[in-house]
């Protein structure tokens, strides 16, 4: 397993060539990059996961999330390979909220109200 973790995106790195675990950790890194780079979400006030999500769908989980989204307030939910994966944001992340047409930034107090574009 890698010995180092990037402080912004929590990507793992530092493997030696041929080191065991590289494949699984790299898969995790690539999925995380795909989820958060160029971040755009469908919605941020949907409390219940949709019944028929499509792989690639992304949502910000509100404080009242239930079901699979329970106890994940403020996190990014991403549908990958037919399961939800979750990512905790870091201060400074930017996200386009598609249903509101606003750009929001993650701050110590949570996601901002957003700037209309």
PDB file of N, CA and C in Angstrom:
ATOM      1  N   UNK A   1       0.847  -1.174   0.000  1.00  0.00           N
ATOM      2  CA  UNK A   1       0.000   0.000   0.000  1.00  0.00           C
ATOM      3  C   UNK A   1       0.894   1.240   0.000  1.00  0.00           C
ATOM      4  N   UNK A   2       0.385   2.295  -0.598  1.00  0.00           N
ATOM      5  CA  UNK A   2       1.188   3.517  -0.647  1.00  0.00           C
ATOM      6  C   UNK A   2       1.366   4.123   0.739  1.00  0.00           C
ATOM      7  N   UNK A   3       2.434   4.828   0.892  1.00  0.00           N
ATOM      8  CA  UNK A   3       2.737   5.437   2.183  1.00  0.00           C
ATOM      9  C   UNK A   3       2.266   6.879   2.255  1.00  0.00           C
ATOM     10  N   UNK A   4       1.878   7.469   1.146  1.00  0.00           N
ATOM     11  CA  UNK A   4       1.574   8.890   1.104  1.00  0.00           C
ATOM     12  C   UNK A   4       0.165   9.148   0.588  1.00  0.00           C
ATOM     13  N   UNK A   5      -0.461  10.221   1.090  1.00  0.00           N
ATOM     14  CA  UNK A   5      -1.795  10.611   0.652  1.00  0.00           C
ATOM     15  C   UNK A   5      -1.799  12.109   0.365  1.00  0.00           C
ATOM     16  N   UNK A   6      -2.299  12.471  -0.803  1.00  0.00           N
ATOM     17  CA  UNK A   6      -2.444  13.867  -1.194  1.00  0.00           C
ATOM     18  C   UNK A   6      -3.446  14.549  -0.263  1.00  0.00           C
ATOM     19  N   UNK A   7      -3.111  15.733   0.306  1.00  0.00           N
ATOM     20  CA  UNK A   7      -3.993  16.367   1.280  1.00  0.00           C
ATOM     21  C   UNK A   7      -5.245  17.008   0.683  1.00  0.00           C
ATOM     22  N   UNK A   8      -5.295  17.282  -0.608  1.00  0.00           N
ATOM     23  CA  UNK A   8      -6.461  17.934  -1.195  1.00  0.00           C
ATOM     24  C   UNK A   8      -7.502  16.941  -1.692  1.00  0.00           C
ATOM     25  N   UNK A   9      -7.100  16.025  -2.540  1.00  0.00           N
ATOM     26  CA  UNK A   9      -8.044  15.068  -3.113  1.00  0.00           C
ATOM     27  C   UNK A   9      -7.983  13.692  -2.462  1.00  0.00           C
ATOM     28  N   UNK A  10      -7.103  13.522  -1.483  1.00  0.00           N
ATOM     29  CA  UNK A  10      -6.939  12.249  -0.773  1.00  0.00           C
ATOM     30  C   UNK A  10      -6.555  11.114  -1.719  1.00  0.00           C
ATOM     31  N   UNK A  11      -5.737  11.436  -2.719  1.00  0.00           N
ATOM     32  CA  UNK A  11      -5.235  10.409  -3.631  1.00  0.00           C
ATOM     33  C   UNK A  11      -4.019   9.743  -3.004  1.00  0.00           C
ATOM     34  N   UNK A  12      -3.913   8.452  -3.202  1.00  0.00           N
ATOM     35  CA  UNK A  12      -2.775   7.700  -2.679  1.00  0.00           C
ATOM     36  C   UNK A  12      -1.657   7.680  -3.715  1.00  0.00           C
ATOM     37  N   UNK A  13      -0.416   7.746  -3.234  1.00  0.00           N
ATOM     38  CA  UNK A  13       0.729   7.688  -4.137  1.00  0.00           C
ATOM     39  C   UNK A  13       1.955   7.201  -3.367  1.00  0.00           C
ATOM     40  N   UNK A  14       3.027   6.983  -4.096  1.00  0.00           N
ATOM     41  CA  UNK A  14       4.282   6.592  -3.479  1.00  0.00           C
ATOM     42  C   UNK A  14       4.629   5.122  -3.634  1.00  0.00           C
ATOM     43  N   UNK A  15       4.006   4.449  -4.589  1.00  0.00           N
ATOM     44  CA  UNK A  15       4.304   3.035  -4.782  1.00  0.00           C
ATOM     45  C   UNK A  15       5.655   2.840  -5.451  1.00  0.00           C
ATOM     46  N   UNK A  16       6.244   1.711  -5.165  1.00  0.00           N
ATOM     47  CA  UNK A  16       7.426   1.270  -5.896  1.00  0.00           C
ATOM     48  C   UNK A  16       6.942   0.458  -7.087  1.00  0.00           C
ATOM     49  N   UNK A  17       7.692   0.439  -8.197  1.00  0.00           N
ATOM     50  CA  UNK A  17       7.263  -0.353  -9.349  1.00  0.00           C
ATOM     51  C   UNK A  17       6.987  -1.809  -8.956  1.00  0.00           C
ATOM     52  N   UNK A  18       5.845  -2.310  -9.351  1.00  0.00           N
ATOM     53  CA  UNK A  18       5.474  -3.690  -9.093  1.00  0.00           C
ATOM     54  C   UNK A  18       4.967  -3.958  -7.693  1.00  0.00           C
ATOM     55  N   UNK A  19       4.830  -2.934  -6.864  1.00  0.00           N
ATOM     56  CA  UNK A  19       4.390  -3.125  -5.482  1.00  0.00           C
ATOM     57  C   UNK A  19       2.957  -3.657  -5.429  1.00  0.00           C
ATOM     58  N   UNK A  20       2.712  -4.604  -4.554  1.00  0.00           N
ATOM     59  CA  UNK A  20       1.383  -5.178  -4.375  1.00  0.00           C
ATOM     60  C   UNK A  20       0.409  -4.106  -3.882  1.00  0.00           C
ATOM     61  N   UNK A  21      -0.821  -4.143  -4.388  1.00  0.00           N
ATOM     62  CA  UNK A  21      -1.838  -3.190  -3.987  1.00  0.00           C
ATOM     63  C   UNK A  21      -1.967  -2.010  -4.923  1.00  0.00           C
ATOM     64  N   UNK A  22      -1.012  -1.841  -5.809  1.00  0.00           N
ATOM     65  CA  UNK A  22      -1.027  -0.698  -6.718  1.00  0.00           C
ATOM     66  C   UNK A  22      -2.301  -0.661  -7.536  1.00  0.00           C
ATOM     67  N   UNK A  23      -2.735  -1.795  -8.042  1.00  0.00           N
ATOM     68  CA  UNK A  23      -3.922  -1.843  -8.903  1.00  0.00           C
ATOM     69  C   UNK A  23      -5.176  -1.365  -8.207  1.00  0.00           C
ATOM     70  N   UNK A  24      -5.474  -1.892  -7.015  1.00  0.00           N
ATOM     71  CA  UNK A  24      -6.681  -1.498  -6.294  1.00  0.00           C
ATOM     72  C   UNK A  24      -6.638  -0.039  -5.888  1.00  0.00           C
ATOM     73  N   UNK A  25      -5.515   0.404  -5.377  1.00  0.00           N
ATOM     74  CA  UNK A  25      -5.400   1.797  -4.950  1.00  0.00           C
ATOM     75  C   UNK A  25      -5.463   2.741  -6.143  1.00  0.00           C
ATOM     76  N   UNK A  26      -4.867   2.359  -7.255  1.00  0.00           N
ATOM     77  CA  UNK A  26      -4.932   3.210  -8.431  1.00  0.00           C
ATOM     78  C   UNK A  26      -6.351   3.268  -8.973  1.00  0.00           C
ATOM     79  N   UNK A  27      -7.085   2.156  -8.952  1.00  0.00           N
ATOM     80  CA  UNK A  27      -8.487   2.181  -9.363  1.00  0.00           C
ATOM     81  C   UNK A  27      -9.266   3.174  -8.507  1.00  0.00           C
ATOM     82  N   UNK A  28      -9.027   3.155  -7.219  1.00  0.00           N
ATOM     83  CA  UNK A  28      -9.688   4.080  -6.299  1.00  0.00           C
ATOM     84  C   UNK A  28      -9.332   5.524  -6.642  1.00  0.00           C
ATOM     85  N   UNK A  29      -8.069   5.781  -6.917  1.00  0.00           N
ATOM     86  CA  UNK A  29      -7.632   7.124  -7.308  1.00  0.00           C
ATOM     87  C   UNK A  29      -8.334   7.597  -8.581  1.00  0.00           C
ATOM     88  N   UNK A  30      -8.404   6.734  -9.593  1.00  0.00           N
ATOM     89  CA  UNK A  30      -9.002   7.122 -10.861  1.00  0.00           C
ATOM     90  C   UNK A  30     -10.500   7.379 -10.710  1.00  0.00           C
ATOM     91  N   UNK A  31     -11.186   6.571  -9.902  1.00  0.00           N
ATOM     92  CA  UNK A  31     -12.606   6.806  -9.660  1.00  0.00           C
ATOM     93  C   UNK A  31     -12.817   8.131  -8.933  1.00  0.00           C
ATOM     94  N   UNK A  32     -11.949   8.435  -7.964  1.00  0.00           N
ATOM     95  CA  UNK A  32     -12.065   9.695  -7.227  1.00  0.00           C
ATOM     96  C   UNK A  32     -11.833  10.890  -8.158  1.00  0.00           C
ATOM     97  N   UNK A  33     -10.826  10.807  -9.002  1.00  0.00           N
ATOM     98  CA  UNK A  33     -10.577  11.882  -9.960  1.00  0.00           C
ATOM     99  C   UNK A  33     -11.772  12.088 -10.890  1.00  0.00           C
ATOM    100  N   UNK A  34     -12.326  10.998 -11.377  1.00  0.00           N
ATOM    101  CA  UNK A  34     -13.494  11.091 -12.245  1.00  0.00           C
ATOM    102  C   UNK A  34     -14.690  11.709 -11.545  1.00  0.00           C
ATOM    103  N   UNK A  35     -14.780  11.513 -10.237  1.00  0.00           N
ATOM    104  CA  UNK A  35     -15.901  12.035  -9.470  1.00  0.00           C
ATOM    105  C   UNK A  35     -15.771  13.513  -9.161  1.00  0.00           C
ATOM    106  N   UNK A  36     -14.568  13.995  -8.886  1.00  0.00           N
ATOM    107  CA  UNK A  36     -14.432  15.349  -8.343  1.00  0.00           C
ATOM    108  C   UNK A  36     -13.820  16.381  -9.284  1.00  0.00           C
ATOM    109  N   UNK A  37     -13.120  15.971 -10.317  1.00  0.00           N
ATOM    110  CA  UNK A  37     -12.524  16.939 -11.243  1.00  0.00           C
ATOM    111  C   UNK A  37     -13.618  17.427 -12.191  1.00  0.00           C
ATOM    112  N   UNK A  38     -13.740  18.731 -12.330  1.00  0.00           N
ATOM    113  CA  UNK A  38     -14.826  19.293 -13.136  1.00  0.00           C
ATOM    114  C   UNK A  38     -16.160  19.004 -12.480  1.00  0.00           C
ATOM    115  N   UNK A  39     -16.232  19.191 -11.171  1.00  0.00           N
ATOM    116  CA  UNK A  39     -17.379  18.772 -10.378  1.00  0.00           C
ATOM    117  C   UNK A  39     -18.669  19.492 -10.759  1.00  0.00           C
ATOM    118  N   UNK A  40     -19.655  18.710 -11.104  1.00  0.00           N
ATOM    119  CA  UNK A  40     -20.998  19.171 -11.416  1.00  0.00           C
ATOM    120  C   UNK A  40     -21.956  18.133 -10.847  1.00  0.00           C
ATOM    121  N   UNK A  41     -22.998  18.590 -10.155  1.00  0.00           N
ATOM    122  CA  UNK A  41     -23.971  17.656  -9.579  1.00  0.00           C
ATOM    123  C   UNK A  41     -25.362  17.963 -10.118  1.00  0.00           C
ATOM    124  N   UNK A  42     -26.207  16.959 -10.104  1.00  0.00           N
ATOM    125  CA  UNK A  42     -27.574  17.125 -10.579  1.00  0.00           C
ATOM    126  C   UNK A  42     -28.421  17.926  -9.598  1.00  0.00           C
ATOM    127  N   UNK A  43     -28.191  17.723  -8.293  1.00  0.00           N
ATOM    128  CA  UNK A  43     -29.049  18.318  -7.268  1.00  0.00           C
ATOM    129  C   UNK A  43     -28.314  18.314  -5.935  1.00  0.00           C
ATOM    130  N   UNK A  44     -28.721  19.210  -5.021  1.00  0.00           N
ATOM    131  CA  UNK A  44     -28.132  19.212  -3.687  1.00  0.00           C
ATOM    132  C   UNK A  44     -29.181  19.234  -2.582  1.00  0.00           C
ATOM    133  N   UNK A  45     -30.450  19.137  -2.933  1.00  0.00           N
ATOM    134  CA  UNK A  45     -31.474  19.101  -1.897  1.00  0.00           C
ATOM    135  C   UNK A  45     -32.382  17.878  -2.009  1.00  0.00           C
ATOM    136  N   UNK A  46     -31.919  16.867  -2.692  1.00  0.00           N
ATOM    137  CA  UNK A  46     -32.643  15.603  -2.811  1.00  0.00           C
ATOM    138  C   UNK A  46     -32.245  14.728  -1.622  1.00  0.00           C
ATOM    139  N   UNK A  47     -33.175  14.489  -0.694  1.00  0.00           N
ATOM    140  CA  UNK A  47     -32.851  13.773   0.542  1.00  0.00           C
ATOM    141  C   UNK A  47     -32.745  12.260   0.353  1.00  0.00           C
ATOM    142  N   UNK A  48     -33.464  11.729  -0.610  1.00  0.00           N
ATOM    143  CA  UNK A  48     -33.494  10.287  -0.853  1.00  0.00           C
ATOM    144  C   UNK A  48     -32.792   9.969  -2.156  1.00  0.00           C
ATOM    145  N   UNK A  49     -31.918   8.972  -2.179  1.00  0.00           N
ATOM    146  CA  UNK A  49     -31.291   8.605  -3.452  1.00  0.00           C
ATOM    147  C   UNK A  49     -32.353   8.283  -4.503  1.00  0.00           C
ATOM    148  N   UNK A  50     -32.134   8.652  -5.760  1.00  0.00           N
ATOM    149  CA  UNK A  50     -33.121   8.357  -6.801  1.00  0.00           C
ATOM    150  C   UNK A  50     -33.322   6.855  -6.971  1.00  0.00           C
ATOM    151  N   UNK A  51     -34.526   6.477  -7.404  1.00  0.00           N
ATOM    152  CA  UNK A  51     -34.856   5.061  -7.580  1.00  0.00           C
ATOM    153  C   UNK A  51     -34.083   4.399  -8.710  1.00  0.00           C
ATOM    154  N   UNK A  52     -33.823   5.140  -9.772  1.00  0.00           N
ATOM    155  CA  UNK A  52     -33.135   4.565 -10.937  1.00  0.00           C
ATOM    156  C   UNK A  52     -31.962   5.440 -11.347  1.00  0.00           C
ATOM    157  N   UNK A  53     -30.913   5.482 -10.515  1.00  0.00           N
ATOM    158  CA  UNK A  53     -29.757   6.303 -10.880  1.00  0.00           C
ATOM    159  C   UNK A  53     -28.991   5.698 -12.051  1.00  0.00           C
ATOM    160  N   UNK A  54     -28.288   6.570 -12.736  1.00  0.00           N
ATOM    161  CA  UNK A  54     -27.442   6.164 -13.849  1.00  0.00           C
ATOM    162  C   UNK A  54     -25.986   6.289 -13.407  1.00  0.00           C
ATOM    163  N   UNK A  55     -25.161   5.351 -13.811  1.00  0.00           N
ATOM    164  CA  UNK A  55     -23.742   5.466 -13.494  1.00  0.00           C
ATOM    165  C   UNK A  55     -23.232   6.815 -13.990  1.00  0.00           C
ATOM    166  N   UNK A  56     -22.504   7.502 -13.121  1.00  0.00           N
ATOM    167  CA  UNK A  56     -22.000   8.834 -13.422  1.00  0.00           C
ATOM    168  C   UNK A  56     -22.813   9.935 -12.765  1.00  0.00           C
ATOM    169  N   UNK A  57     -24.025   9.622 -12.289  1.00  0.00           N
ATOM    170  CA  UNK A  57     -24.825  10.631 -11.586  1.00  0.00           C
ATOM    171  C   UNK A  57     -24.098  11.076 -10.331  1.00  0.00           C
ATOM    172  N   UNK A  58     -24.163  12.391 -10.051  1.00  0.00           N
ATOM    173  CA  UNK A  58     -23.524  12.950  -8.864  1.00  0.00           C
ATOM    174  C   UNK A  58     -24.500  13.879  -8.157  1.00  0.00           C
ATOM    175  N   UNK A  59     -24.497  13.806  -6.826  1.00  0.00           N
ATOM    176  CA  UNK A  59     -25.369  14.624  -5.990  1.00  0.00           C
ATOM    177  C   UNK A  59     -24.578  15.093  -4.772  1.00  0.00           C
ATOM    178  N   UNK A  60     -24.932  16.272  -4.256  1.00  0.00           N
ATOM    179  CA  UNK A  60     -24.465  16.683  -2.942  1.00  0.00           C
ATOM    180  C   UNK A  60     -25.550  16.252  -1.966  1.00  0.00           C
ATOM    181  N   UNK A  61     -25.163  15.622  -0.897  1.00  0.00           N
ATOM    182  CA  UNK A  61     -26.135  15.094   0.054  1.00  0.00           C
ATOM    183  C   UNK A  61     -26.516  16.179   1.063  1.00  0.00           C
ATOM    184  N   UNK A  62     -27.832  16.447   1.209  1.00  0.00           N
ATOM    185  CA  UNK A  62     -28.273  17.463   2.165  1.00  0.00           C
ATOM    186  C   UNK A  62     -28.221  16.938   3.601  1.00  0.00           C
ATOM    187  N   UNK A  63     -28.429  17.828   4.549  1.00  0.00           N
ATOM    188  CA  UNK A  63     -28.353  17.457   5.970  1.00  0.00           C
ATOM    189  C   UNK A  63     -29.420  16.455   6.368  1.00  0.00           C
ATOM    190  N   UNK A  64     -30.509  16.371   5.620  1.00  0.00           N
ATOM    191  CA  UNK A  64     -31.591  15.449   5.967  1.00  0.00           C
ATOM    192  C   UNK A  64     -31.587  14.189   5.097  1.00  0.00           C
ATOM    193  N   UNK A  65     -30.418  13.798   4.576  1.00  0.00           N
ATOM    194  CA  UNK A  65     -30.323  12.615   3.740  1.00  0.00           C
ATOM    195  C   UNK A  65     -30.801  11.368   4.474  1.00  0.00           C
ATOM    196  N   UNK A  66     -31.514  10.511   3.762  1.00  0.00           N
ATOM    197  CA  UNK A  66     -32.019   9.272   4.365  1.00  0.00           C
ATOM    198  C   UNK A  66     -31.614   8.074   3.507  1.00  0.00           C
ATOM    199  N   UNK A  67     -31.870   6.892   4.035  1.00  0.00           N
ATOM    200  CA  UNK A  67     -31.514   5.678   3.319  1.00  0.00           C
ATOM    201  C   UNK A  67     -30.006   5.578   3.154  1.00  0.00           C
ATOM    202  N   UNK A  68     -29.569   5.297   1.937  1.00  0.00           N
ATOM    203  CA  UNK A  68     -28.131   5.156   1.654  1.00  0.00           C
ATOM    204  C   UNK A  68     -27.372   6.453   1.901  1.00  0.00           C
ATOM    205  N   UNK A  69     -28.097   7.587   1.978  1.00  0.00           N
ATOM    206  CA  UNK A  69     -27.459   8.886   2.167  1.00  0.00           C
ATOM    207  C   UNK A  69     -27.496   9.354   3.618  1.00  0.00           C
ATOM    208  N   UNK A  70     -27.986   8.529   4.503  1.00  0.00           N
ATOM    209  CA  UNK A  70     -28.052   8.878   5.924  1.00  0.00           C
ATOM    210  C   UNK A  70     -26.649   9.094   6.492  1.00  0.00           C
ATOM    211  N   UNK A  71     -26.493  10.119   7.341  1.00  0.00           N
ATOM    212  CA  UNK A  71     -25.219  10.430   8.011  1.00  0.00           C
ATOM    213  C   UNK A  71     -24.087  10.798   7.050  1.00  0.00           C
ATOM    214  N   UNK A  72     -24.414  11.348   5.885  1.00  0.00           N
ATOM    215  CA  UNK A  72     -23.403  11.739   4.901  1.00  0.00           C
ATOM    216  C   UNK A  72     -23.601  13.187   4.442  1.00  0.00           C
ATOM    217  N   UNK A  73     -24.157  14.024   5.308  1.00  0.00           N
ATOM    218  CA  UNK A  73     -24.456  15.416   4.964  1.00  0.00           C
ATOM    219  C   UNK A  73     -23.232  16.133   4.408  1.00  0.00           C
ATOM    220  N   UNK A  74     -23.429  16.854   3.299  1.00  0.00           N
ATOM    221  CA  UNK A  74     -22.373  17.641   2.677  1.00  0.00           C
ATOM    222  C   UNK A  74     -21.458  16.860   1.760  1.00  0.00           C
ATOM    223  N   UNK A  75     -21.546  15.535   1.791  1.00  0.00           N
ATOM    224  CA  UNK A  75     -20.667  14.725   0.953  1.00  0.00           C
ATOM    225  C   UNK A  75     -21.178  14.661  -0.479  1.00  0.00           C
ATOM    226  N   UNK A  76     -20.294  14.255  -1.352  1.00  0.00           N
ATOM    227  CA  UNK A  76     -20.610  14.016  -2.747  1.00  0.00           C
ATOM    228  C   UNK A  76     -20.949  12.541  -2.911  1.00  0.00           C
ATOM    229  N   UNK A  77     -22.123  12.256  -3.462  1.00  0.00           N
ATOM    230  CA  UNK A  77     -22.516  10.876  -3.782  1.00  0.00           C
ATOM    231  C   UNK A  77     -22.349  10.702  -5.285  1.00  0.00           C
ATOM    232  N   UNK A  78     -21.636   9.666  -5.685  1.00  0.00           N
ATOM    233  CA  UNK A  78     -21.376   9.397  -7.097  1.00  0.00           C
ATOM    234  C   UNK A  78     -21.771   7.960  -7.393  1.00  0.00           C
ATOM    235  N   UNK A  79     -22.522   7.765  -8.448  1.00  0.00           N
ATOM    236  CA  UNK A  79     -22.930   6.416  -8.839  1.00  0.00           C
ATOM    237  C   UNK A  79     -21.863   5.855  -9.768  1.00  0.00           C
ATOM    238  N   UNK A  80     -21.172   4.793  -9.306  1.00  0.00           N
ATOM    239  CA  UNK A  80     -20.111   4.156 -10.078  1.00  0.00           C
ATOM    240  C   UNK A  80     -20.316   2.646 -10.010  1.00  0.00           C
ATOM    241  N   UNK A  81     -20.379   2.010 -11.172  1.00  0.00           N
ATOM    242  CA  UNK A  81     -20.550   0.559 -11.262  1.00  0.00           C
ATOM    243  C   UNK A  81     -21.749   0.093 -10.438  1.00  0.00           C
ATOM    244  N   UNK A  82     -22.855   0.847 -10.535  1.00  0.00           N
ATOM    245  CA  UNK A  82     -24.134   0.512  -9.908  1.00  0.00           C
ATOM    246  C   UNK A  82     -24.143   0.558  -8.383  1.00  0.00           C
ATOM    247  N   UNK A  83     -23.194   1.250  -7.780  1.00  0.00           N
ATOM    248  CA  UNK A  83     -23.199   1.474  -6.324  1.00  0.00           C
ATOM    249  C   UNK A  83     -22.870   2.941  -6.059  1.00  0.00           C
ATOM    250  N   UNK A  84     -23.306   3.430  -4.899  1.00  0.00           N
ATOM    251  CA  UNK A  84     -22.977   4.794  -4.487  1.00  0.00           C
ATOM    252  C   UNK A  84     -21.607   4.819  -3.845  1.00  0.00           C
ATOM    253  N   UNK A  85     -20.783   5.748  -4.271  1.00  0.00           N
ATOM    254  CA  UNK A  85     -19.508   6.010  -3.616  1.00  0.00           C
ATOM    255  C   UNK A  85     -19.584   7.423  -3.075  1.00  0.00           C
ATOM    256  N   UNK A  86     -18.866   7.680  -1.970  1.00  0.00           N
ATOM    257  CA  UNK A  86     -18.988   8.952  -1.276  1.00  0.00           C
ATOM    258  C   UNK A  86     -17.624   9.601  -1.115  1.00  0.00           C
ATOM    259  N   UNK A  87     -17.626  10.929  -1.236  1.00  0.00           N
ATOM    260  CA  UNK A  87     -16.392  11.690  -1.100  1.00  0.00           C
ATOM    261  C   UNK A  87     -16.672  12.910  -0.242  1.00  0.00           C
ATOM    262  N   UNK A  88     -15.875  13.075   0.803  1.00  0.00           N
ATOM    263  CA  UNK A  88     -15.980  14.263   1.648  1.00  0.00           C
ATOM    264  C   UNK A  88     -15.211  15.389   0.978  1.00  0.00           C
ATOM    265  N   UNK A  89     -15.827  16.555   0.805  1.00  0.00           N
ATOM    266  CA  UNK A  89     -15.153  17.664   0.143  1.00  0.00           C
ATOM    267  C   UNK A  89     -14.115  18.321   1.035  1.00  0.00           C
ATOM    268  N   UNK A  90     -13.207  19.044   0.413  1.00  0.00           N
ATOM    269  CA  UNK A  90     -12.217  19.855   1.109  1.00  0.00           C
ATOM    270  C   UNK A  90     -12.529  21.325   0.856  1.00  0.00           C
ATOM    271  N   UNK A  91     -12.113  22.175   1.762  1.00  0.00           N
ATOM    272  CA  UNK A  91     -12.336  23.610   1.613  1.00  0.00           C
ATOM    273  C   UNK A  91     -11.757  24.082   0.280  1.00  0.00           C
ATOM    274  N   UNK A  92     -12.561  24.852  -0.448  1.00  0.00           N
ATOM    275  CA  UNK A  92     -12.141  25.389  -1.737  1.00  0.00           C
ATOM    276  C   UNK A  92     -12.669  24.642  -2.948  1.00  0.00           C
ATOM    277  N   UNK A  93     -13.245  23.444  -2.751  1.00  0.00           N
ATOM    278  CA  UNK A  93     -13.804  22.735  -3.898  1.00  0.00           C
ATOM    279  C   UNK A  93     -14.925  23.565  -4.502  1.00  0.00           C
ATOM    280  N   UNK A  94     -14.989  23.590  -5.827  1.00  0.00           N
ATOM    281  CA  UNK A  94     -16.056  24.263  -6.555  1.00  0.00           C
ATOM    282  C   UNK A  94     -16.966  23.222  -7.187  1.00  0.00           C
ATOM    283  N   UNK A  95     -18.263  23.531  -7.216  1.00  0.00           N
ATOM    284  CA  UNK A  95     -19.234  22.595  -7.764  1.00  0.00           C
ATOM    285  C   UNK A  95     -20.332  23.350  -8.482  1.00  0.00           C
ATOM    286  N   UNK A  96     -20.631  22.936  -9.700  1.00  0.00           N
ATOM    287  CA  UNK A  96     -21.759  23.492 -10.430  1.00  0.00           C
ATOM    288  C   UNK A  96     -22.991  22.675 -10.054  1.00  0.00           C
ATOM    289  N   UNK A  97     -24.034  23.363  -9.579  1.00  0.00           N
ATOM    290  CA  UNK A  97     -25.290  22.714  -9.199  1.00  0.00           C
ATOM    291  C   UNK A  97     -26.231  22.854 -10.403  1.00  0.00           C
ATOM    292  N   UNK A  98     -26.441  21.771 -11.135  1.00  0.00           N
ATOM    293  CA  UNK A  98     -27.140  21.830 -12.416  1.00  0.00           C
ATOM    294  C   UNK A  98     -28.583  22.308 -12.316  1.00  0.00           C
ATOM    295  N   UNK A  99     -29.358  21.807 -11.346  1.00  0.00           N
ATOM    296  CA  UNK A  99     -30.772  22.177 -11.296  1.00  0.00           C
ATOM    297  C   UNK A  99     -30.998  23.618 -10.831  1.00  0.00           C
ATOM    298  N   UNK A 100     -29.979  24.244 -10.238  1.00  0.00           N
ATOM    299  CA  UNK A 100     -30.082  25.634  -9.790  1.00  0.00           C
ATOM    300  C   UNK A 100     -29.304  26.592 -10.693  1.00  0.00           C
ATOM    301  N   UNK A 101     -28.452  26.059 -11.546  1.00  0.00           N
ATOM    302  CA  UNK A 101     -27.576  26.853 -12.417  1.00  0.00           C
ATOM    303  C   UNK A 101     -26.742  27.843 -11.602  1.00  0.00           C
ATOM    304  N   UNK A 102     -26.115  27.330 -10.503  1.00  0.00           N
ATOM    305  CA  UNK A 102     -25.230  28.143  -9.670  1.00  0.00           C
ATOM    306  C   UNK A 102     -23.915  27.403  -9.457  1.00  0.00           C
ATOM    307  N   UNK A 103     -22.890  28.188  -9.140  1.00  0.00           N
ATOM    308  CA  UNK A 103     -21.587  27.651  -8.781  1.00  0.00           C
ATOM    309  C   UNK A 103     -21.437  27.813  -7.274  1.00  0.00           C
ATOM    310  N   UNK A 104     -21.164  26.733  -6.580  1.00  0.00           N
ATOM    311  CA  UNK A 104     -21.049  26.735  -5.126  1.00  0.00           C
ATOM    312  C   UNK A 104     -19.624  26.372  -4.731  1.00  0.00           C
ATOM    313  N   UNK A 105     -19.175  26.891  -3.580  1.00  0.00           N
ATOM    314  CA  UNK A 105     -17.851  26.585  -3.067  1.00  0.00           C
ATOM    315  C   UNK A 105     -17.995  25.945  -1.692  1.00  0.00           C
ATOM    316  N   UNK A 106     -17.136  24.973  -1.396  1.00  0.00           N
ATOM    317  CA  UNK A 106     -17.164  24.341  -0.089  1.00  0.00           C
ATOM    318  C   UNK A 106     -16.300  25.150   0.871  1.00  0.00           C
ATOM    319  N   UNK A 107     -16.892  25.520   2.012  1.00  0.00           N
ATOM    320  CA  UNK A 107     -16.229  26.304   3.043  1.00  0.00           C
ATOM    321  C   UNK A 107     -16.297  25.532   4.354  1.00  0.00           C
ATOM    322  N   UNK A 108     -15.669  26.048   5.388  1.00  0.00           N
ATOM    323  CA  UNK A 108     -15.705  25.367   6.683  1.00  0.00           C
ATOM    324  C   UNK A 108     -17.136  25.222   7.202  1.00  0.00           C
ATOM    325  N   UNK A 109     -18.050  26.085   6.757  1.00  0.00           N
ATOM    326  CA  UNK A 109     -19.454  26.021   7.175  1.00  0.00           C
ATOM    327  C   UNK A 109     -20.305  25.157   6.247  1.00  0.00           C
ATOM    328  N   UNK A 110     -19.714  24.597   5.195  1.00  0.00           N
ATOM    329  CA  UNK A 110     -20.450  23.765   4.235  1.00  0.00           C
ATOM    330  C   UNK A 110     -20.486  24.420   2.863  1.00  0.00           C
ATOM    331  N   UNK A 111     -21.365  23.922   2.004  1.00  0.00           N
ATOM    332  CA  UNK A 111     -21.481  24.432   0.640  1.00  0.00           C
ATOM    333  C   UNK A 111     -22.168  25.790   0.646  1.00  0.00           C
ATOM    334  N   UNK A 112     -21.624  26.747  -0.102  1.00  0.00           N
ATOM    335  CA  UNK A 112     -22.201  28.095  -0.173  1.00  0.00           C
ATOM    336  C   UNK A 112     -23.518  28.070  -0.934  1.00  0.00           C
ATOM    337  N   UNK A 113     -24.292  29.168  -0.770  1.00  0.00           N
ATOM    338  CA  UNK A 113     -25.568  29.289  -1.479  1.00  0.00           C
ATOM    339  C   UNK A 113     -25.347  29.257  -2.985  1.00  0.00           C
ATOM    340  N   UNK A 114     -24.265  29.831  -3.438  1.00  0.00           N
ATOM    341  CA  UNK A 114     -23.921  29.769  -4.849  1.00  0.00           C
ATOM    342  C   UNK A 114     -24.071  31.089  -5.577  1.00  0.00           C
ATOM    343  N   UNK A 115     -23.388  31.188  -6.677  1.00  0.00           N
ATOM    344  CA  UNK A 115     -23.405  32.357  -7.540  1.00  0.00           C
ATOM    345  C   UNK A 115     -24.084  31.952  -8.838  1.00  0.00           C
ATOM    346  N   UNK A 116     -25.141  32.652  -9.208  1.00  0.00           N
ATOM    347  CA  UNK A 116     -25.855  32.348 -10.464  1.00  0.00           C
ATOM    348  C   UNK A 116     -24.951  32.617 -11.652  1.00  0.00           C
ATOM    349  N   UNK A 117     -25.027  31.763 -12.634  1.00  0.00           N
ATOM    350  CA  UNK A 117     -24.198  31.919 -13.833  1.00  0.00           C
ATOM    351  C   UNK A 117     -25.062  32.269 -15.023  1.00  0.00           C
TER     352      UNK A 117
END
